[in-house]
Structures are given as C-alpha cells and as structure tokens.
Amino acid sequence: MFKSRLFRPAIVKSILIFSVVCFLLLISVPIAYSQVSTNKDNLSPWDIILLQNNTDNVLTLDGIKEFVKNKAIADKQKAEAEDKALQEMLKIGKVLPVFYDTNTYSPASTLLRSWTQFTVKSGTKGGSGVGWSNAYWPSTRTIYNGSRAELYGSFWARTWGYNYYDISTTENYSVKTDFHVTGRILSGSSLAVKVKVVDVNTGQTITRTIFNPTSGYFNKRHVIATEQFYLQKGHRYCFSFETETNAGVVVSATMSDFYSKEFDGTQRKIVFNSMKLYRD
C-alpha cells in the first residue's frame, strides 16, 4: 500500500521551526542576525566581543525555545522595575515642598522652569541567558547605558532622572528636552529615550518616546525634542527623563552600547543637557 511521505518527522520539525520563527518576528524584540562591521571607525571592546561570538551559530528549535523563555523573564523584570520606579516617584513627590509659581504669565509660551540636573537619579538592569547589561549616572548629567545579548539571550537596562513642579493653571504645557548620544546599536537591539509626566495626585502617567533610532553609529548626536501635555491646576507633576537599552538574539550576538569606551578613548554615553517646562 502506498504510504504518504509528506509528514515525515524531519519535515514536520522544519515546518514547526518555520512557524515559530514567523511568530518571533512579530514580538517586540527583533531577532538579530547582525554582524559587526570591521570597516566602522571608533570600535570598542564590545564590538570585538561580538565579532568573536558571531561565528558558527545555527538556528534550532531548542534555541528558539530558550530565547522565548529568556525574553519572558527579561520582560517581567522590566515591568517590575518600571512599577517600582513609578512608586518611588509618587512616594517622593508627596513629601517635597511646593514648587509652583503663582504669577500670571503673559505672553504665551513663557518659560516656567529650566532643569540642568535632576533631584532624583537612578538606574537598574536585568536580563536572562548569555549576555550583560548595566546603566547608571557616573556624574550629574552623564548616563552610561548598555545591553549586550549573545546566544539566546535577552538583556535590558534603564535609567531615570526626574524633578517636580506644581501647576497653577489648567492648560497645555510643553516640555523641551535637549541631550547628546554617542554609541552604537546593532540589529536586534534598541535605544529608547523617553519623557514621562506623572500626576502625583492621581498616579496617572503619560510617556512619550522622543528618540528611538535604528541601528547605526552615533557620534555626539544632538537631539532636541518638544512634547505637549495638558496639565491641571493644583496638581503636582513629576517630569522624568528616561533611557532604555534592549538586546535580544536568537543566533548572532547584538548590542545597544552607550556604555563602553572605544579604543581611541571616546566614551560611549548619553549626556543630558536640559529639560524646560513652558506654559503654552
């Protein structure tokens, strides 16, 4: 009797691997098949590490399962860190003295506050699998933030810097943020710089991503971004400047590096210049 060969175990396994890969392409951390270009200037030890670890890696079903497991762990860590940071913002905001200015402003678009440093600064990191990450403020306005993932790894790092202000008039306000970035992003990794406004009275948060570049090298890239928020009279608000790196990989190693020092002495970093609050 004729027996169909369409469903041999090897074929079924291949179909299953293809289906899982298609699913992973839809999730938030892209699968990296990146290679570090040796033609780029300003290489750092991180670039060399990835070159050494990007050989002879083969996509397997077990590897995909391992990556999915590690990503789920990393995502849970990030969510917990985000909630912890928010609770800290609310807690501190409820005990600080009043900051609002009771003047009636004219004309419109008057500058209310200009911050060049933050009352509170913090950083944290996490991940699962093979890789590394870290983030912290080495000085008043400088941030080191980097995440590196190797075979099946998923890693992240976050920083926060924030101040408070009490709003005296209900209307639209603009937050203008100025910063520089120096570093490198490979495919499968990301950098997100965000501005978050938290209503200390209600706990409501509004987050805007103001810089989210694709892969490439950034040499003191200057970024100025303005976002508008509708704020209420008598409420205290927390104005937060946040950075986040992510790296996730199934096969080739990848990184978002605003942390390491290059061989020519250049420090990869994010430099906060100012955050300004305007009454529109």
C-alpha atoms as a PDB file:
ATOM      1  CA  MET A   1       0.000   0.000   0.000  1.00  0.00           C
ATOM      2  CA  PHE A   2       1.213   3.498  -0.824  1.00  0.00           C
ATOM      3  CA  LYS A   3       2.332   5.488   2.237  1.00  0.00           C
ATOM      4  CA  SER A   4       2.498   9.272   2.096  1.00  0.00           C
ATOM      5  CA  ARG A   5       5.888  10.798   2.900  1.00  0.00           C
ATOM      6  CA  LEU A   6       4.504  14.317   3.386  1.00  0.00           C
ATOM      7  CA  PHE A   7       4.578  14.078   7.159  1.00  0.00           C
ATOM      8  CA  ARG A   8       7.970  12.619   7.883  1.00  0.00           C
ATOM      9  CA  PRO A   9       9.274  13.760  11.306  1.00  0.00           C
ATOM     10  CA  ALA A  10      12.036  15.851   9.727  1.00  0.00           C
ATOM     11  CA  ILE A  11       9.540  17.738   7.547  1.00  0.00           C
ATOM     12  CA  VAL A  12       7.172  18.306  10.445  1.00  0.00           C
ATOM     13  CA  LYS A  13      10.040  19.623  12.554  1.00  0.00           C
ATOM     14  CA  SER A  14      11.082  22.021   9.758  1.00  0.00           C
ATOM     15  CA  ILE A  15       7.537  23.347   9.440  1.00  0.00           C
ATOM     16  CA  LEU A  16       7.346  23.843  13.209  1.00  0.00           C
ATOM     17  CA  ILE A  17      10.646  25.764  13.281  1.00  0.00           C
ATOM     18  CA  PHE A  18       9.490  27.998  10.412  1.00  0.00           C
ATOM     19  CA  SER A  19       6.193  28.731  12.190  1.00  0.00           C
ATOM     20  CA  VAL A  20       7.932  29.653  15.448  1.00  0.00           C
ATOM     21  CA  VAL A  21      10.366  31.933  13.612  1.00  0.00           C
ATOM     22  CA  CYS A  22       7.473  33.766  11.946  1.00  0.00           C
ATOM     23  CA  PHE A  23       5.904  34.267  15.371  1.00  0.00           C
ATOM     24  CA  LEU A  24       9.114  35.639  16.845  1.00  0.00           C
ATOM     25  CA  LEU A  25       9.376  38.194  14.062  1.00  0.00           C
ATOM     26  CA  LEU A  26       6.205  39.754  15.389  1.00  0.00           C
ATOM     27  CA  ILE A  27       7.296  40.156  19.004  1.00  0.00           C
ATOM     28  CA  SER A  28       8.681  43.368  20.398  1.00  0.00           C
ATOM     29  CA  VAL A  29      12.395  42.490  20.496  1.00  0.00           C
ATOM     30  CA  PRO A  30      13.581  41.745  16.949  1.00  0.00           C
ATOM     31  CA  ILE A  31      15.615  38.640  16.218  1.00  0.00           C
ATOM     32  CA  ALA A  32      19.168  39.682  15.458  1.00  0.00           C
ATOM     33  CA  TYR A  33      21.225  38.331  12.602  1.00  0.00           C
ATOM     34  CA  SER A  34      23.661  41.219  12.901  1.00  0.00           C
ATOM     35  CA  GLN A  35      27.314  41.378  12.102  1.00  0.00           C
ATOM     36  CA  VAL A  36      29.702  43.977  13.460  1.00  0.00           C
ATOM     37  CA  SER A  37      31.294  45.871  10.593  1.00  0.00           C
ATOM     38  CA  THR A  38      35.070  45.980  10.834  1.00  0.00           C
ATOM     39  CA  ASN A  39      35.040  48.974   8.493  1.00  0.00           C
ATOM     40  CA  LYS A  40      33.491  51.255  11.114  1.00  0.00           C
ATOM     41  CA  ASP A  41      35.647  53.709  12.988  1.00  0.00           C
ATOM     42  CA  ASN A  42      35.628  54.001  16.773  1.00  0.00           C
ATOM     43  CA  LEU A  43      35.483  50.322  17.703  1.00  0.00           C
ATOM     44  CA  SER A  44      35.257  49.357  21.379  1.00  0.00           C
ATOM     45  CA  PRO A  45      35.903  46.076  23.254  1.00  0.00           C
ATOM     46  CA  TRP A  46      32.190  45.323  22.934  1.00  0.00           C
ATOM     47  CA  ASP A  47      32.491  45.295  19.116  1.00  0.00           C
ATOM     48  CA  ILE A  48      35.365  42.816  19.326  1.00  0.00           C
ATOM     49  CA  ILE A  49      33.432  40.543  21.709  1.00  0.00           C
ATOM     50  CA  LEU A  50      30.520  40.379  19.274  1.00  0.00           C
ATOM     51  CA  LEU A  51      32.806  39.642  16.328  1.00  0.00           C
ATOM     52  CA  GLN A  52      34.245  36.700  18.236  1.00  0.00           C
ATOM     53  CA  ASN A  53      30.802  35.365  19.203  1.00  0.00           C
ATOM     54  CA  ASN A  54      29.066  35.687  15.824  1.00  0.00           C
ATOM     55  CA  THR A  55      30.502  32.561  14.223  1.00  0.00           C
ATOM     56  CA  ASP A  56      29.153  29.041  13.740  1.00  0.00           C
ATOM     57  CA  ASN A  57      25.759  29.732  15.357  1.00  0.00           C
ATOM     58  CA  VAL A  58      22.889  27.683  13.912  1.00  0.00           C
ATOM     59  CA  LEU A  59      19.148  28.313  14.318  1.00  0.00           C
ATOM     60  CA  THR A  60      17.474  25.414  16.163  1.00  0.00           C
ATOM     61  CA  LEU A  61      14.068  24.788  17.674  1.00  0.00           C
ATOM     62  CA  ASP A  62      15.610  24.340  21.124  1.00  0.00           C
ATOM     63  CA  GLY A  63      17.434  27.646  20.686  1.00  0.00           C
ATOM     64  CA  ILE A  64      14.211  29.448  19.784  1.00  0.00           C
ATOM     65  CA  LYS A  65      12.500  27.989  22.861  1.00  0.00           C
ATOM     66  CA  GLU A  66      15.408  29.138  25.028  1.00  0.00           C
ATOM     67  CA  PHE A  67      15.198  32.666  23.625  1.00  0.00           C
ATOM     68  CA  VAL A  68      11.428  32.851  24.205  1.00  0.00           C
ATOM     69  CA  LYS A  69      11.952  31.746  27.815  1.00  0.00           C
ATOM     70  CA  ASN A  70      14.722  34.300  28.406  1.00  0.00           C
ATOM     71  CA  LYS A  71      12.722  37.115  26.819  1.00  0.00           C
ATOM     72  CA  ALA A  72       9.721  36.375  29.036  1.00  0.00           C
ATOM     73  CA  ILE A  73      11.969  36.579  32.114  1.00  0.00           C
ATOM     74  CA  ALA A  74      13.509  39.865  30.943  1.00  0.00           C
ATOM     75  CA  ASP A  75      10.114  41.414  30.133  1.00  0.00           C
ATOM     76  CA  LYS A  76       8.819  40.512  33.594  1.00  0.00           C
ATOM     77  CA  GLN A  77      11.874  42.109  35.185  1.00  0.00           C
ATOM     78  CA  LYS A  78      11.369  45.301  33.164  1.00  0.00           C
ATOM     79  CA  ALA A  79       7.720  45.560  34.149  1.00  0.00           C
ATOM     80  CA  GLU A  80       8.595  45.140  37.825  1.00  0.00           C
ATOM     81  CA  ALA A  81      11.367  47.752  37.572  1.00  0.00           C
ATOM     82  CA  GLU A  82       9.004  50.198  35.865  1.00  0.00           C
ATOM     83  CA  ASP A  83       6.395  49.801  38.595  1.00  0.00           C
ATOM     84  CA  LYS A  84       8.994  50.172  41.339  1.00  0.00           C
ATOM     85  CA  ALA A  85      10.303  53.385  39.753  1.00  0.00           C
ATOM     86  CA  LEU A  86       6.765  54.786  39.472  1.00  0.00           C
ATOM     87  CA  GLN A  87       6.000  54.049  43.120  1.00  0.00           C
ATOM     88  CA  GLU A  88       9.223  55.798  44.110  1.00  0.00           C
ATOM     89  CA  MET A  89       8.265  58.874  42.055  1.00  0.00           C
ATOM     90  CA  LEU A  90       4.883  59.050  43.771  1.00  0.00           C
ATOM     91  CA  LYS A  91       6.347  58.495  47.234  1.00  0.00           C
ATOM     92  CA  ILE A  92       8.984  61.233  46.902  1.00  0.00           C
ATOM     93  CA  GLY A  93       6.571  63.633  45.221  1.00  0.00           C
ATOM     94  CA  LYS A  94       4.191  63.543  48.182  1.00  0.00           C
ATOM     95  CA  VAL A  95       6.752  64.758  50.718  1.00  0.00           C
ATOM     96  CA  LEU A  96       8.625  67.508  48.859  1.00  0.00           C
ATOM     97  CA  PRO A  97       7.804  71.234  49.365  1.00  0.00           C
ATOM     98  CA  VAL A  98       5.623  73.176  46.924  1.00  0.00           C
ATOM     99  CA  PHE A  99       7.311  74.294  43.675  1.00  0.00           C
ATOM    100  CA  TYR A 100       4.673  76.259  41.773  1.00  0.00           C
ATOM    101  CA  ASP A 101       4.941  79.883  40.694  1.00  0.00           C
ATOM    102  CA  THR A 102       1.790  81.890  41.398  1.00  0.00           C
ATOM    103  CA  ASN A 103       2.478  84.625  38.836  1.00  0.00           C
ATOM    104  CA  THR A 104       0.082  85.204  35.933  1.00  0.00           C
ATOM    105  CA  TYR A 105       2.158  84.683  32.800  1.00  0.00           C
ATOM    106  CA  SER A 106       1.997  86.769  29.636  1.00  0.00           C
ATOM    107  CA  PRO A 107       2.711  86.415  26.797  1.00  0.00           C
ATOM    108  CA  ALA A 108       2.137  82.751  25.985  1.00  0.00           C
ATOM    109  CA  SER A 109       4.974  80.207  25.717  1.00  0.00           C
ATOM    110  CA  THR A 110       6.604  81.537  28.870  1.00  0.00           C
ATOM    111  CA  LEU A 111       9.431  79.508  30.317  1.00  0.00           C
ATOM    112  CA  LEU A 112       8.481  78.300  33.797  1.00  0.00           C
ATOM    113  CA  ARG A 113      11.386  76.070  34.739  1.00  0.00           C
ATOM    114  CA  SER A 114      14.722  75.059  33.232  1.00  0.00           C
ATOM    115  CA  TRP A 115      16.407  71.994  34.738  1.00  0.00           C
ATOM    116  CA  THR A 116      20.037  71.082  34.006  1.00  0.00           C
ATOM    117  CA  GLN A 117      20.163  68.381  36.666  1.00  0.00           C
ATOM    118  CA  PHE A 118      17.694  66.162  38.489  1.00  0.00           C
ATOM    119  CA  THR A 119      16.588  65.895  42.096  1.00  0.00           C
ATOM    120  CA  VAL A 120      16.498  62.102  41.802  1.00  0.00           C
ATOM    121  CA  LYS A 121      18.604  59.858  39.541  1.00  0.00           C
ATOM    122  CA  SER A 122      18.543  56.072  39.391  1.00  0.00           C
ATOM    123  CA  GLY A 123      19.370  53.104  37.179  1.00  0.00           C
ATOM    124  CA  THR A 124      18.771  49.383  37.029  1.00  0.00           C
ATOM    125  CA  LYS A 125      19.392  46.391  34.781  1.00  0.00           C
ATOM    126  CA  GLY A 126      18.286  42.850  34.078  1.00  0.00           C
ATOM    127  CA  GLY A 127      18.146  40.008  31.625  1.00  0.00           C
ATOM    128  CA  SER A 128      18.347  36.277  31.146  1.00  0.00           C
ATOM    129  CA  GLY A 129      20.569  33.919  29.180  1.00  0.00           C
ATOM    130  CA  VAL A 130      24.008  34.778  27.849  1.00  0.00           C
ATOM    131  CA  GLY A 131      24.782  38.491  27.853  1.00  0.00           C
ATOM    132  CA  TRP A 132      25.350  41.533  30.024  1.00  0.00           C
ATOM    133  CA  SER A 133      23.823  44.935  30.829  1.00  0.00           C
ATOM    134  CA  ASN A 134      24.240  47.922  33.113  1.00  0.00           C
ATOM    135  CA  ALA A 135      23.058  51.512  33.470  1.00  0.00           C
ATOM    136  CA  TYR A 136      23.933  54.304  35.878  1.00  0.00           C
ATOM    137  CA  TRP A 137      24.747  58.022  36.224  1.00  0.00           C
ATOM    138  CA  PRO A 138      28.548  58.446  36.687  1.00  0.00           C
ATOM    139  CA  SER A 139      28.076  62.212  37.064  1.00  0.00           C
ATOM    140  CA  THR A 140      25.364  64.859  37.288  1.00  0.00           C
ATOM    141  CA  ARG A 141      24.364  64.856  33.611  1.00  0.00           C
ATOM    142  CA  THR A 142      26.048  61.763  32.140  1.00  0.00           C
ATOM    143  CA  ILE A 143      24.447  58.356  31.651  1.00  0.00           C
ATOM    144  CA  TYR A 144      26.160  55.062  30.830  1.00  0.00           C
ATOM    145  CA  ASN A 145      23.622  52.579  29.457  1.00  0.00           C
ATOM    146  CA  GLY A 146      24.377  49.380  27.562  1.00  0.00           C
ATOM    147  CA  SER A 147      22.880  45.960  26.857  1.00  0.00           C
ATOM    148  CA  ARG A 148      24.610  43.075  25.089  1.00  0.00           C
ATOM    149  CA  ALA A 149      22.985  39.731  24.207  1.00  0.00           C
ATOM    150  CA  GLU A 150      24.725  36.645  22.961  1.00  0.00           C
ATOM    151  CA  LEU A 151      23.303  33.226  22.027  1.00  0.00           C
ATOM    152  CA  TYR A 152      19.570  33.092  23.007  1.00  0.00           C
ATOM    153  CA  GLY A 153      19.949  35.991  25.478  1.00  0.00           C
ATOM    154  CA  SER A 154      17.625  38.892  26.290  1.00  0.00           C
ATOM    155  CA  PHE A 155      19.001  41.845  28.276  1.00  0.00           C
ATOM    156  CA  TRP A 156      17.942  45.401  29.191  1.00  0.00           C
ATOM    157  CA  ALA A 157      18.987  48.430  31.236  1.00  0.00           C
ATOM    158  CA  ARG A 158      17.131  51.587  32.367  1.00  0.00           C
ATOM    159  CA  THR A 159      17.827  54.986  33.893  1.00  0.00           C
ATOM    160  CA  TRP A 160      15.550  57.646  35.330  1.00  0.00           C
ATOM    161  CA  GLY A 161      16.159  61.284  36.235  1.00  0.00           C
ATOM    162  CA  TYR A 162      13.325  63.494  37.464  1.00  0.00           C
ATOM    163  CA  ASN A 163      12.124  66.718  39.071  1.00  0.00           C
ATOM    164  CA  TYR A 164       8.761  68.008  40.319  1.00  0.00           C
ATOM    165  CA  TYR A 165       6.607  71.055  39.672  1.00  0.00           C
ATOM    166  CA  ASP A 166       3.208  72.235  40.941  1.00  0.00           C
ATOM    167  CA  ILE A 167       0.893  73.560  38.229  1.00  0.00           C
ATOM    168  CA  SER A 168      -1.001  76.792  38.947  1.00  0.00           C
ATOM    169  CA  THR A 169      -3.133  76.991  35.749  1.00  0.00           C
ATOM    170  CA  THR A 170      -5.022  74.268  33.877  1.00  0.00           C
ATOM    171  CA  GLU A 171      -3.908  74.312  30.238  1.00  0.00           C
ATOM    172  CA  ASN A 172      -1.353  72.978  27.771  1.00  0.00           C
ATOM    173  CA  TYR A 173       2.328  72.886  28.683  1.00  0.00           C
ATOM    174  CA  SER A 174       5.375  71.973  26.614  1.00  0.00           C
ATOM    175  CA  VAL A 175       8.409  70.015  27.767  1.00  0.00           C
ATOM    176  CA  LYS A 176      11.556  70.639  25.709  1.00  0.00           C
ATOM    177  CA  THR A 177      14.382  68.147  26.206  1.00  0.00           C
ATOM    178  CA  ASP A 178      17.972  68.530  24.994  1.00  0.00           C
ATOM    179  CA  PHE A 179      20.615  65.756  25.040  1.00  0.00           C
ATOM    180  CA  HIS A 180      23.524  64.134  23.146  1.00  0.00           C
ATOM    181  CA  VAL A 181      24.180  60.454  22.405  1.00  0.00           C
ATOM    182  CA  THR A 182      27.390  58.650  21.457  1.00  0.00           C
ATOM    183  CA  GLY A 183      27.350  54.918  20.818  1.00  0.00           C
ATOM    184  CA  ARG A 184      26.365  52.056  18.553  1.00  0.00           C
ATOM    185  CA  ILE A 185      23.214  49.977  18.005  1.00  0.00           C
ATOM    186  CA  LEU A 186      23.251  46.686  16.106  1.00  0.00           C
ATOM    187  CA  SER A 187      20.257  44.979  14.528  1.00  0.00           C
ATOM    188  CA  GLY A 188      18.218  43.216  17.207  1.00  0.00           C
ATOM    189  CA  SER A 189      18.930  45.905  19.809  1.00  0.00           C
ATOM    190  CA  SER A 190      17.454  49.303  20.583  1.00  0.00           C
ATOM    191  CA  LEU A 191      17.762  52.585  22.430  1.00  0.00           C
ATOM    192  CA  ALA A 192      14.673  54.463  23.593  1.00  0.00           C
ATOM    193  CA  VAL A 193      14.853  57.893  25.212  1.00  0.00           C
ATOM    194  CA  LYS A 194      11.573  58.947  26.802  1.00  0.00           C
ATOM    195  CA  VAL A 195       9.904  61.806  28.631  1.00  0.00           C
ATOM    196  CA  LYS A 196       7.355  60.804  31.242  1.00  0.00           C
ATOM    197  CA  VAL A 197       4.961  63.095  33.101  1.00  0.00           C
ATOM    198  CA  VAL A 198       3.418  61.624  36.263  1.00  0.00           C
ATOM    199  CA  ASP A 199       0.487  63.196  38.109  1.00  0.00           C
ATOM    200  CA  VAL A 200       1.466  62.713  41.757  1.00  0.00           C
ATOM    201  CA  ASN A 201      -2.123  63.419  42.877  1.00  0.00           C
ATOM    202  CA  THR A 202      -3.739  60.694  40.761  1.00  0.00           C
ATOM    203  CA  GLY A 203      -0.882  58.386  39.732  1.00  0.00           C
ATOM    204  CA  GLN A 204      -1.706  58.876  36.036  1.00  0.00           C
ATOM    205  CA  THR A 205       1.284  58.699  33.702  1.00  0.00           C
ATOM    206  CA  ILE A 206       1.901  59.876  30.145  1.00  0.00           C
ATOM    207  CA  THR A 207       5.037  58.601  28.409  1.00  0.00           C
ATOM    208  CA  ARG A 208       6.400  59.868  25.088  1.00  0.00           C
ATOM    209  CA  THR A 209       9.324  58.307  23.232  1.00  0.00           C
ATOM    210  CA  ILE A 210      11.417  61.193  21.896  1.00  0.00           C
ATOM    211  CA  PHE A 211      14.358  59.266  20.400  1.00  0.00           C
ATOM    212  CA  ASN A 212      14.225  55.689  19.107  1.00  0.00           C
ATOM    213  CA  PRO A 213      16.845  55.289  16.354  1.00  0.00           C
ATOM    214  CA  THR A 214      17.504  52.342  14.096  1.00  0.00           C
ATOM    215  CA  SER A 215      20.836  50.527  14.062  1.00  0.00           C
ATOM    216  CA  GLY A 216      23.982  52.516  13.397  1.00  0.00           C
ATOM    217  CA  TYR A 217      26.767  54.545  14.951  1.00  0.00           C
ATOM    218  CA  PHE A 218      26.044  57.882  16.656  1.00  0.00           C
ATOM    219  CA  ASN A 219      28.820  60.397  17.163  1.00  0.00           C
ATOM    220  CA  LYS A 220      27.646  63.032  19.648  1.00  0.00           C
ATOM    221  CA  ARG A 221      24.213  63.096  18.009  1.00  0.00           C
ATOM    222  CA  HIS A 222      22.384  66.184  19.259  1.00  0.00           C
ATOM    223  CA  VAL A 223      18.682  65.682  19.926  1.00  0.00           C
ATOM    224  CA  ILE A 224      16.136  68.351  20.859  1.00  0.00           C
ATOM    225  CA  ALA A 225      12.528  67.217  21.281  1.00  0.00           C
ATOM    226  CA  THR A 226       9.394  69.040  22.414  1.00  0.00           C
ATOM    227  CA  GLU A 227       6.239  67.329  23.667  1.00  0.00           C
ATOM    228  CA  GLN A 228       2.953  68.914  24.783  1.00  0.00           C
ATOM    229  CA  PHE A 229       0.938  67.867  27.858  1.00  0.00           C
ATOM    230  CA  TYR A 230      -2.395  69.027  29.262  1.00  0.00           C
ATOM    231  CA  LEU A 231      -1.871  69.609  32.997  1.00  0.00           C
ATOM    232  CA  GLN A 232      -4.280  70.535  35.783  1.00  0.00           C
ATOM    233  CA  LYS A 233      -4.196  73.365  38.290  1.00  0.00           C
ATOM    234  CA  GLY A 234      -3.303  72.360  41.838  1.00  0.00           C
ATOM    235  CA  HIS A 235      -1.684  69.081  40.801  1.00  0.00           C
ATOM    236  CA  ARG A 236       1.940  68.163  41.371  1.00  0.00           C
ATOM    237  CA  TYR A 237       3.731  66.571  38.439  1.00  0.00           C
ATOM    238  CA  CYS A 238       6.924  64.570  38.125  1.00  0.00           C
ATOM    239  CA  PHE A 239       8.906  65.272  34.944  1.00  0.00           C
ATOM    240  CA  SER A 240      11.124  62.285  34.133  1.00  0.00           C
ATOM    241  CA  PHE A 241      13.923  61.811  31.574  1.00  0.00           C
ATOM    242  CA  GLU A 242      14.388  58.103  30.878  1.00  0.00           C
ATOM    243  CA  THR A 243      16.760  55.941  28.818  1.00  0.00           C
ATOM    244  CA  GLU A 244      16.385  52.270  27.966  1.00  0.00           C
ATOM    245  CA  THR A 245      18.578  49.837  26.042  1.00  0.00           C
ATOM    246  CA  ASN A 246      17.451  46.381  24.939  1.00  0.00           C
ATOM    247  CA  ALA A 247      19.251  43.489  23.272  1.00  0.00           C
ATOM    248  CA  GLY A 248      17.652  40.205  22.243  1.00  0.00           C
ATOM    249  CA  VAL A 249      19.078  37.499  19.997  1.00  0.00           C
ATOM    250  CA  VAL A 250      18.425  34.004  18.669  1.00  0.00           C
ATOM    251  CA  VAL A 251      21.568  33.443  16.593  1.00  0.00           C
ATOM    252  CA  SER A 252      24.061  36.294  16.190  1.00  0.00           C
ATOM    253  CA  ALA A 253      25.210  38.440  19.103  1.00  0.00           C
ATOM    254  CA  THR A 254      23.948  42.019  19.289  1.00  0.00           C
ATOM    255  CA  MET A 255      24.213  45.142  21.441  1.00  0.00           C
ATOM    256  CA  SER A 256      22.986  48.633  22.200  1.00  0.00           C
ATOM    257  CA  ASP A 257      26.137  50.243  23.534  1.00  0.00           C
ATOM    258  CA  PHE A 258      26.109  53.668  25.146  1.00  0.00           C
ATOM    259  CA  TYR A 259      28.385  52.390  27.885  1.00  0.00           C
ATOM    260  CA  SER A 260      31.818  51.169  26.797  1.00  0.00           C
ATOM    261  CA  LYS A 261      34.960  53.148  25.983  1.00  0.00           C
ATOM    262  CA  GLU A 262      36.342  52.981  22.450  1.00  0.00           C
ATOM    263  CA  PHE A 263      39.964  52.194  21.680  1.00  0.00           C
ATOM    264  CA  ASP A 264      40.624  55.827  20.724  1.00  0.00           C
ATOM    265  CA  GLY A 265      39.435  56.934  24.179  1.00  0.00           C
ATOM    266  CA  THR A 266      35.928  58.057  23.171  1.00  0.00           C
ATOM    267  CA  GLN A 267      33.381  57.259  25.882  1.00  0.00           C
ATOM    268  CA  ARG A 268      30.045  55.980  24.631  1.00  0.00           C
ATOM    269  CA  LYS A 269      27.336  57.688  26.684  1.00  0.00           C
ATOM    270  CA  ILE A 270      24.175  59.778  26.837  1.00  0.00           C
ATOM    271  CA  VAL A 271      24.561  63.353  28.054  1.00  0.00           C
ATOM    272  CA  PHE A 272      21.521  65.172  29.412  1.00  0.00           C
ATOM    273  CA  ASN A 273      21.725  68.914  28.731  1.00  0.00           C
ATOM    274  CA  SER A 274      18.415  70.372  29.861  1.00  0.00           C
ATOM    275  CA  MET A 275      14.681  69.943  30.305  1.00  0.00           C
ATOM    276  CA  LYS A 276      12.498  73.047  30.052  1.00  0.00           C
ATOM    277  CA  LEU A 277       8.856  73.490  31.028  1.00  0.00           C
ATOM    278  CA  TYR A 278       6.839  76.075  29.113  1.00  0.00           C
ATOM    279  CA  ARG A 279       3.330  77.386  29.612  1.00  0.00           C
ATOM    280  CA  ASP A 280       1.799  77.473  26.096  1.00  0.00           C
END
